[in-house]
Amino acid sequence: MSNPVVHFEIATKDSAKSCEFYGKLFSWNIRVMDTMNYSLVEEGEGGIPGGIFQGEKDECPPYVTIYVKVDDLQKCLDRAIELGGIQVVPPTHISESGSFAMFKDPDGNVIGLWKEA
């Protein structure tokens, strides 16, 4: 696969409750990062890493999304728009590990893009 899925994310109304739920349901190891309002889900054998976070009340409804690894965030966003998608988040640097962007596909599904640093 030339552009693999490398991360998943679950936005919730109550991140502590969701971390407890998914941790118990799937035996996931989840590390809470208090300073970032984000919890990292370890990938486990054969899986991919993920994240659980509490979205802002009005700005971020609960959702589940995937992040696809790409070489050029803007080029991929431009192509998504050309094919009928809508940009949600422009290319954004988040850490020394990389940058992300997000778009909605023609059906409204939110998909994330990831570019490693």
N, C-alpha and C. Protein backbone atom coordinates (compact mmCIF):
# COMPACT_ATOMS: atom_id res chain seq x y z
N MET A 1 0.85 -1.17 0.00
CA MET A 1 0.00 0.00 0.00
C MET A 1 0.90 1.24 0.00
N SER A 2 0.70 2.11 -0.95
CA SER A 2 1.57 3.27 -1.08
C SER A 2 1.28 4.35 -0.03
N ASN A 3 0.07 4.47 0.43
CA ASN A 3 -0.30 5.44 1.45
C ASN A 3 -1.05 4.70 2.57
N PRO A 4 -0.32 4.11 3.52
CA PRO A 4 -0.97 3.29 4.54
C PRO A 4 -1.68 4.12 5.61
N VAL A 5 -2.66 3.51 6.23
CA VAL A 5 -3.29 4.09 7.41
C VAL A 5 -2.28 3.94 8.55
N VAL A 6 -1.95 5.05 9.22
CA VAL A 6 -0.90 5.01 10.23
C VAL A 6 -1.38 5.41 11.63
N HIS A 7 -2.63 5.85 11.75
CA HIS A 7 -3.12 6.32 13.04
C HIS A 7 -4.64 6.37 12.99
N PHE A 8 -5.28 6.16 14.12
CA PHE A 8 -6.72 6.39 14.21
C PHE A 8 -6.98 7.33 15.37
N GLU A 9 -8.15 7.95 15.37
CA GLU A 9 -8.47 8.89 16.42
C GLU A 9 -9.95 8.79 16.76
N ILE A 10 -10.23 8.89 18.05
CA ILE A 10 -11.60 8.89 18.53
C ILE A 10 -11.81 10.17 19.33
N ALA A 11 -12.67 11.05 18.84
CA ALA A 11 -13.03 12.26 19.56
C ALA A 11 -14.30 11.96 20.36
N THR A 12 -14.31 12.33 21.63
CA THR A 12 -15.41 11.95 22.50
C THR A 12 -15.95 13.15 23.27
N LYS A 13 -17.08 12.94 23.94
CA LYS A 13 -17.64 13.95 24.84
C LYS A 13 -16.99 13.85 26.22
N ASP A 14 -16.47 12.67 26.56
CA ASP A 14 -15.86 12.44 27.88
C ASP A 14 -14.69 11.48 27.68
N SER A 15 -13.48 12.04 27.57
CA SER A 15 -12.33 11.21 27.23
C SER A 15 -12.00 10.19 28.32
N ALA A 16 -12.15 10.54 29.60
CA ALA A 16 -11.86 9.58 30.67
C ALA A 16 -12.79 8.37 30.57
N LYS A 17 -14.05 8.63 30.34
CA LYS A 17 -15.04 7.55 30.22
C LYS A 17 -14.74 6.69 28.99
N SER A 18 -14.38 7.33 27.88
CA SER A 18 -14.08 6.58 26.66
C SER A 18 -12.81 5.76 26.80
N CYS A 19 -11.78 6.32 27.45
CA CYS A 19 -10.54 5.57 27.66
C CYS A 19 -10.83 4.33 28.50
N GLU A 20 -11.64 4.49 29.53
CA GLU A 20 -11.99 3.35 30.37
C GLU A 20 -12.78 2.31 29.56
N PHE A 21 -13.75 2.76 28.77
CA PHE A 21 -14.58 1.88 27.96
C PHE A 21 -13.74 1.07 26.97
N TYR A 22 -12.95 1.77 26.14
CA TYR A 22 -12.16 1.07 25.11
C TYR A 22 -11.04 0.24 25.73
N GLY A 23 -10.45 0.73 26.80
CA GLY A 23 -9.41 -0.04 27.48
C GLY A 23 -9.93 -1.37 27.98
N LYS A 24 -11.12 -1.35 28.61
CA LYS A 24 -11.72 -2.58 29.12
C LYS A 24 -12.24 -3.47 27.99
N LEU A 25 -12.89 -2.85 27.01
CA LEU A 25 -13.49 -3.62 25.92
C LEU A 25 -12.45 -4.36 25.09
N PHE A 26 -11.38 -3.68 24.71
CA PHE A 26 -10.39 -4.27 23.81
C PHE A 26 -9.05 -4.58 24.48
N SER A 27 -8.96 -4.38 25.78
CA SER A 27 -7.70 -4.56 26.52
C SER A 27 -6.59 -3.68 25.94
N TRP A 28 -6.95 -2.48 25.54
CA TRP A 28 -5.98 -1.53 25.00
C TRP A 28 -5.16 -0.93 26.13
N ASN A 29 -3.87 -0.74 25.89
CA ASN A 29 -3.01 0.03 26.78
C ASN A 29 -3.11 1.48 26.34
N ILE A 30 -3.61 2.33 27.24
CA ILE A 30 -3.86 3.73 26.92
C ILE A 30 -3.07 4.60 27.89
N ARG A 31 -2.28 5.51 27.34
CA ARG A 31 -1.47 6.42 28.16
C ARG A 31 -2.07 7.82 28.08
N VAL A 32 -2.56 8.31 29.22
CA VAL A 32 -3.15 9.64 29.29
C VAL A 32 -2.04 10.68 29.31
N MET A 33 -2.16 11.67 28.45
CA MET A 33 -1.20 12.78 28.39
C MET A 33 -1.94 14.04 28.85
N ASP A 34 -1.96 14.28 30.16
CA ASP A 34 -2.74 15.36 30.74
C ASP A 34 -2.44 16.73 30.13
N THR A 35 -1.19 16.99 29.82
CA THR A 35 -0.83 18.31 29.32
C THR A 35 -1.37 18.58 27.92
N MET A 36 -1.77 17.55 27.20
CA MET A 36 -2.25 17.72 25.84
C MET A 36 -3.73 17.43 25.67
N ASN A 37 -4.45 17.03 26.75
CA ASN A 37 -5.84 16.62 26.62
C ASN A 37 -5.96 15.53 25.54
N TYR A 38 -5.04 14.57 25.60
CA TYR A 38 -4.97 13.52 24.59
C TYR A 38 -4.47 12.26 25.24
N SER A 39 -5.00 11.12 24.82
CA SER A 39 -4.54 9.83 25.33
C SER A 39 -4.06 9.00 24.15
N LEU A 40 -2.89 8.41 24.29
CA LEU A 40 -2.31 7.59 23.23
C LEU A 40 -2.66 6.12 23.43
N VAL A 41 -3.15 5.50 22.38
CA VAL A 41 -3.46 4.08 22.38
C VAL A 41 -2.29 3.36 21.73
N GLU A 42 -1.65 2.45 22.48
CA GLU A 42 -0.53 1.70 21.93
C GLU A 42 -1.03 0.77 20.83
N GLU A 43 -0.18 0.57 19.83
CA GLU A 43 -0.63 -0.20 18.66
C GLU A 43 -0.83 -1.67 18.91
N GLY A 44 -0.10 -2.29 19.79
CA GLY A 44 -0.25 -3.72 20.00
C GLY A 44 0.18 -4.50 18.77
N GLU A 45 0.15 -5.81 18.88
CA GLU A 45 0.62 -6.68 17.81
C GLU A 45 -0.27 -6.56 16.57
N GLY A 46 0.34 -6.19 15.45
CA GLY A 46 -0.36 -6.12 14.18
C GLY A 46 -1.28 -4.92 14.02
N GLY A 47 -1.31 -4.00 15.00
CA GLY A 47 -2.21 -2.86 14.93
C GLY A 47 -1.49 -1.57 14.61
N ILE A 48 -2.23 -0.49 14.64
CA ILE A 48 -1.67 0.84 14.45
C ILE A 48 -1.95 1.66 15.71
N PRO A 49 -1.13 2.67 15.99
CA PRO A 49 -1.38 3.50 17.16
C PRO A 49 -2.60 4.39 16.94
N GLY A 50 -3.13 4.87 18.05
CA GLY A 50 -4.30 5.74 17.95
C GLY A 50 -4.33 6.76 19.06
N GLY A 51 -5.40 7.51 19.09
CA GLY A 51 -5.57 8.53 20.10
C GLY A 51 -7.03 8.69 20.47
N ILE A 52 -7.26 9.08 21.71
CA ILE A 52 -8.59 9.39 22.20
C ILE A 52 -8.50 10.77 22.85
N PHE A 53 -9.43 11.66 22.50
CA PHE A 53 -9.43 12.97 23.11
C PHE A 53 -10.84 13.51 23.23
N GLN A 54 -10.98 14.48 24.13
CA GLN A 54 -12.28 15.12 24.34
C GLN A 54 -12.35 16.34 23.45
N GLY A 55 -13.32 16.36 22.55
CA GLY A 55 -13.47 17.49 21.64
C GLY A 55 -14.11 18.68 22.34
N GLU A 56 -13.89 19.84 21.77
CA GLU A 56 -14.55 21.04 22.28
C GLU A 56 -16.05 20.90 22.06
N LYS A 57 -16.83 21.36 23.00
CA LYS A 57 -18.28 21.12 23.00
C LYS A 57 -18.97 21.43 21.68
N ASP A 58 -18.81 22.64 21.16
CA ASP A 58 -19.53 23.02 19.95
C ASP A 58 -18.70 22.85 18.68
N GLU A 59 -17.39 22.86 18.83
CA GLU A 59 -16.53 22.85 17.66
C GLU A 59 -16.19 21.46 17.15
N CYS A 60 -16.28 20.46 18.01
CA CYS A 60 -15.82 19.13 17.64
C CYS A 60 -16.78 18.06 18.15
N PRO A 61 -17.71 17.64 17.30
CA PRO A 61 -18.62 16.57 17.73
C PRO A 61 -17.86 15.24 17.80
N PRO A 62 -18.40 14.26 18.50
CA PRO A 62 -17.74 12.94 18.54
C PRO A 62 -17.57 12.40 17.12
N TYR A 63 -16.42 11.79 16.88
CA TYR A 63 -16.16 11.17 15.58
C TYR A 63 -15.05 10.15 15.72
N VAL A 64 -14.93 9.30 14.71
CA VAL A 64 -13.83 8.37 14.58
C VAL A 64 -13.23 8.61 13.20
N THR A 65 -11.90 8.68 13.13
CA THR A 65 -11.27 8.90 11.85
C THR A 65 -9.96 8.13 11.75
N ILE A 66 -9.47 8.05 10.56
CA ILE A 66 -8.16 7.44 10.30
C ILE A 66 -7.24 8.52 9.75
N TYR A 67 -5.93 8.28 9.87
CA TYR A 67 -4.93 9.15 9.28
C TYR A 67 -4.12 8.35 8.29
N VAL A 68 -3.97 8.90 7.10
CA VAL A 68 -3.25 8.25 6.01
C VAL A 68 -1.92 8.97 5.81
N LYS A 69 -0.85 8.20 5.72
CA LYS A 69 0.49 8.77 5.51
C LYS A 69 0.64 9.24 4.07
N VAL A 70 1.07 10.50 3.90
CA VAL A 70 1.30 11.06 2.57
C VAL A 70 2.63 11.80 2.55
N ASP A 71 3.16 12.04 1.36
CA ASP A 71 4.42 12.76 1.21
C ASP A 71 4.24 14.28 1.20
N ASP A 72 3.06 14.75 0.75
CA ASP A 72 2.82 16.18 0.59
C ASP A 72 1.39 16.49 1.01
N LEU A 73 1.22 17.10 2.18
CA LEU A 73 -0.12 17.37 2.70
C LEU A 73 -0.93 18.26 1.77
N GLN A 74 -0.36 19.37 1.34
CA GLN A 74 -1.12 20.31 0.50
C GLN A 74 -1.50 19.69 -0.84
N LYS A 75 -0.58 18.96 -1.44
CA LYS A 75 -0.87 18.32 -2.73
C LYS A 75 -2.03 17.33 -2.57
N CYS A 76 -2.02 16.57 -1.48
CA CYS A 76 -3.10 15.60 -1.26
C CYS A 76 -4.42 16.30 -0.96
N LEU A 77 -4.39 17.37 -0.17
CA LEU A 77 -5.61 18.16 0.08
C LEU A 77 -6.17 18.73 -1.21
N ASP A 78 -5.29 19.29 -2.04
CA ASP A 78 -5.73 19.85 -3.32
C ASP A 78 -6.40 18.78 -4.17
N ARG A 79 -5.83 17.59 -4.19
CA ARG A 79 -6.41 16.49 -4.97
C ARG A 79 -7.76 16.07 -4.39
N ALA A 80 -7.86 16.02 -3.05
CA ALA A 80 -9.14 15.67 -2.41
C ALA A 80 -10.22 16.69 -2.79
N ILE A 81 -9.87 17.97 -2.78
CA ILE A 81 -10.83 19.02 -3.14
C ILE A 81 -11.22 18.88 -4.61
N GLU A 82 -10.25 18.62 -5.45
CA GLU A 82 -10.51 18.42 -6.88
C GLU A 82 -11.50 17.28 -7.11
N LEU A 83 -11.45 16.26 -6.24
CA LEU A 83 -12.32 15.09 -6.38
C LEU A 83 -13.65 15.25 -5.63
N GLY A 84 -13.90 16.42 -5.06
CA GLY A 84 -15.18 16.67 -4.40
C GLY A 84 -15.13 16.74 -2.89
N GLY A 85 -13.93 16.68 -2.31
CA GLY A 85 -13.79 16.79 -0.86
C GLY A 85 -13.75 18.24 -0.41
N ILE A 86 -13.75 18.43 0.91
CA ILE A 86 -13.72 19.77 1.51
C ILE A 86 -12.63 19.79 2.58
N GLN A 87 -11.77 20.79 2.52
CA GLN A 87 -10.73 20.92 3.55
C GLN A 87 -11.37 21.25 4.89
N VAL A 88 -10.93 20.55 5.94
CA VAL A 88 -11.39 20.80 7.31
C VAL A 88 -10.30 21.48 8.12
N VAL A 89 -9.07 20.96 8.03
CA VAL A 89 -7.92 21.52 8.73
C VAL A 89 -6.78 21.64 7.73
N PRO A 90 -6.19 22.82 7.58
CA PRO A 90 -5.07 22.97 6.66
C PRO A 90 -3.83 22.27 7.22
N PRO A 91 -2.78 22.12 6.42
CA PRO A 91 -1.56 21.53 6.95
C PRO A 91 -1.12 22.25 8.23
N THR A 92 -0.92 21.45 9.28
CA THR A 92 -0.63 21.98 10.61
C THR A 92 0.50 21.20 11.25
N HIS A 93 1.55 21.88 11.64
CA HIS A 93 2.67 21.25 12.33
C HIS A 93 2.26 21.01 13.78
N ILE A 94 2.42 19.77 14.29
CA ILE A 94 2.04 19.53 15.68
C ILE A 94 3.19 19.12 16.59
N SER A 95 4.25 18.59 16.02
CA SER A 95 5.38 18.19 16.87
C SER A 95 6.58 17.89 15.98
N GLU A 96 7.67 17.54 16.64
CA GLU A 96 8.88 17.18 15.89
C GLU A 96 8.67 15.91 15.07
N SER A 97 7.59 15.19 15.35
CA SER A 97 7.34 13.95 14.61
C SER A 97 6.61 14.19 13.29
N GLY A 98 5.91 15.32 13.16
CA GLY A 98 5.25 15.55 11.89
C GLY A 98 4.14 16.58 11.90
N SER A 99 3.38 16.57 10.80
CA SER A 99 2.29 17.52 10.56
C SER A 99 1.07 16.74 10.08
N PHE A 100 -0.12 17.39 10.22
CA PHE A 100 -1.34 16.74 9.77
C PHE A 100 -2.24 17.74 9.06
N ALA A 101 -3.25 17.21 8.41
CA ALA A 101 -4.32 17.99 7.78
C ALA A 101 -5.55 17.09 7.78
N MET A 102 -6.72 17.67 7.55
CA MET A 102 -7.95 16.88 7.51
C MET A 102 -8.87 17.40 6.42
N PHE A 103 -9.66 16.48 5.86
CA PHE A 103 -10.67 16.85 4.87
C PHE A 103 -11.91 15.99 5.07
N LYS A 104 -13.02 16.44 4.47
CA LYS A 104 -14.24 15.63 4.41
C LYS A 104 -14.33 15.07 3.01
N ASP A 105 -14.67 13.79 2.93
CA ASP A 105 -14.89 13.19 1.61
C ASP A 105 -16.27 13.63 1.12
N PRO A 106 -16.66 13.27 -0.12
CA PRO A 106 -17.95 13.71 -0.64
C PRO A 106 -19.16 13.27 0.20
N ASP A 107 -19.01 12.23 1.03
CA ASP A 107 -20.11 11.80 1.90
C ASP A 107 -20.06 12.43 3.29
N GLY A 108 -19.02 13.24 3.55
CA GLY A 108 -18.91 13.90 4.84
C GLY A 108 -18.03 13.21 5.86
N ASN A 109 -17.42 12.08 5.49
CA ASN A 109 -16.49 11.41 6.40
C ASN A 109 -15.23 12.26 6.55
N VAL A 110 -14.76 12.43 7.79
CA VAL A 110 -13.55 13.19 8.03
C VAL A 110 -12.36 12.24 8.00
N ILE A 111 -11.39 12.58 7.16
CA ILE A 111 -10.18 11.77 6.99
C ILE A 111 -8.97 12.64 7.30
N GLY A 112 -8.03 12.08 8.06
CA GLY A 112 -6.82 12.80 8.38
C GLY A 112 -5.67 12.38 7.47
N LEU A 113 -4.76 13.30 7.27
CA LEU A 113 -3.54 13.06 6.51
C LEU A 113 -2.36 13.28 7.46
N TRP A 114 -1.32 12.49 7.34
CA TRP A 114 -0.15 12.59 8.20
C TRP A 114 1.10 12.63 7.36
N LYS A 115 1.98 13.59 7.67
CA LYS A 115 3.30 13.65 7.02
C LYS A 115 4.34 13.63 8.12
N GLU A 116 5.20 12.60 8.08
CA GLU A 116 6.27 12.50 9.05
C GLU A 116 7.29 13.61 8.81
N ALA A 117 7.91 14.06 9.89
CA ALA A 117 8.92 15.11 9.79
C ALA A 117 10.16 14.57 9.10
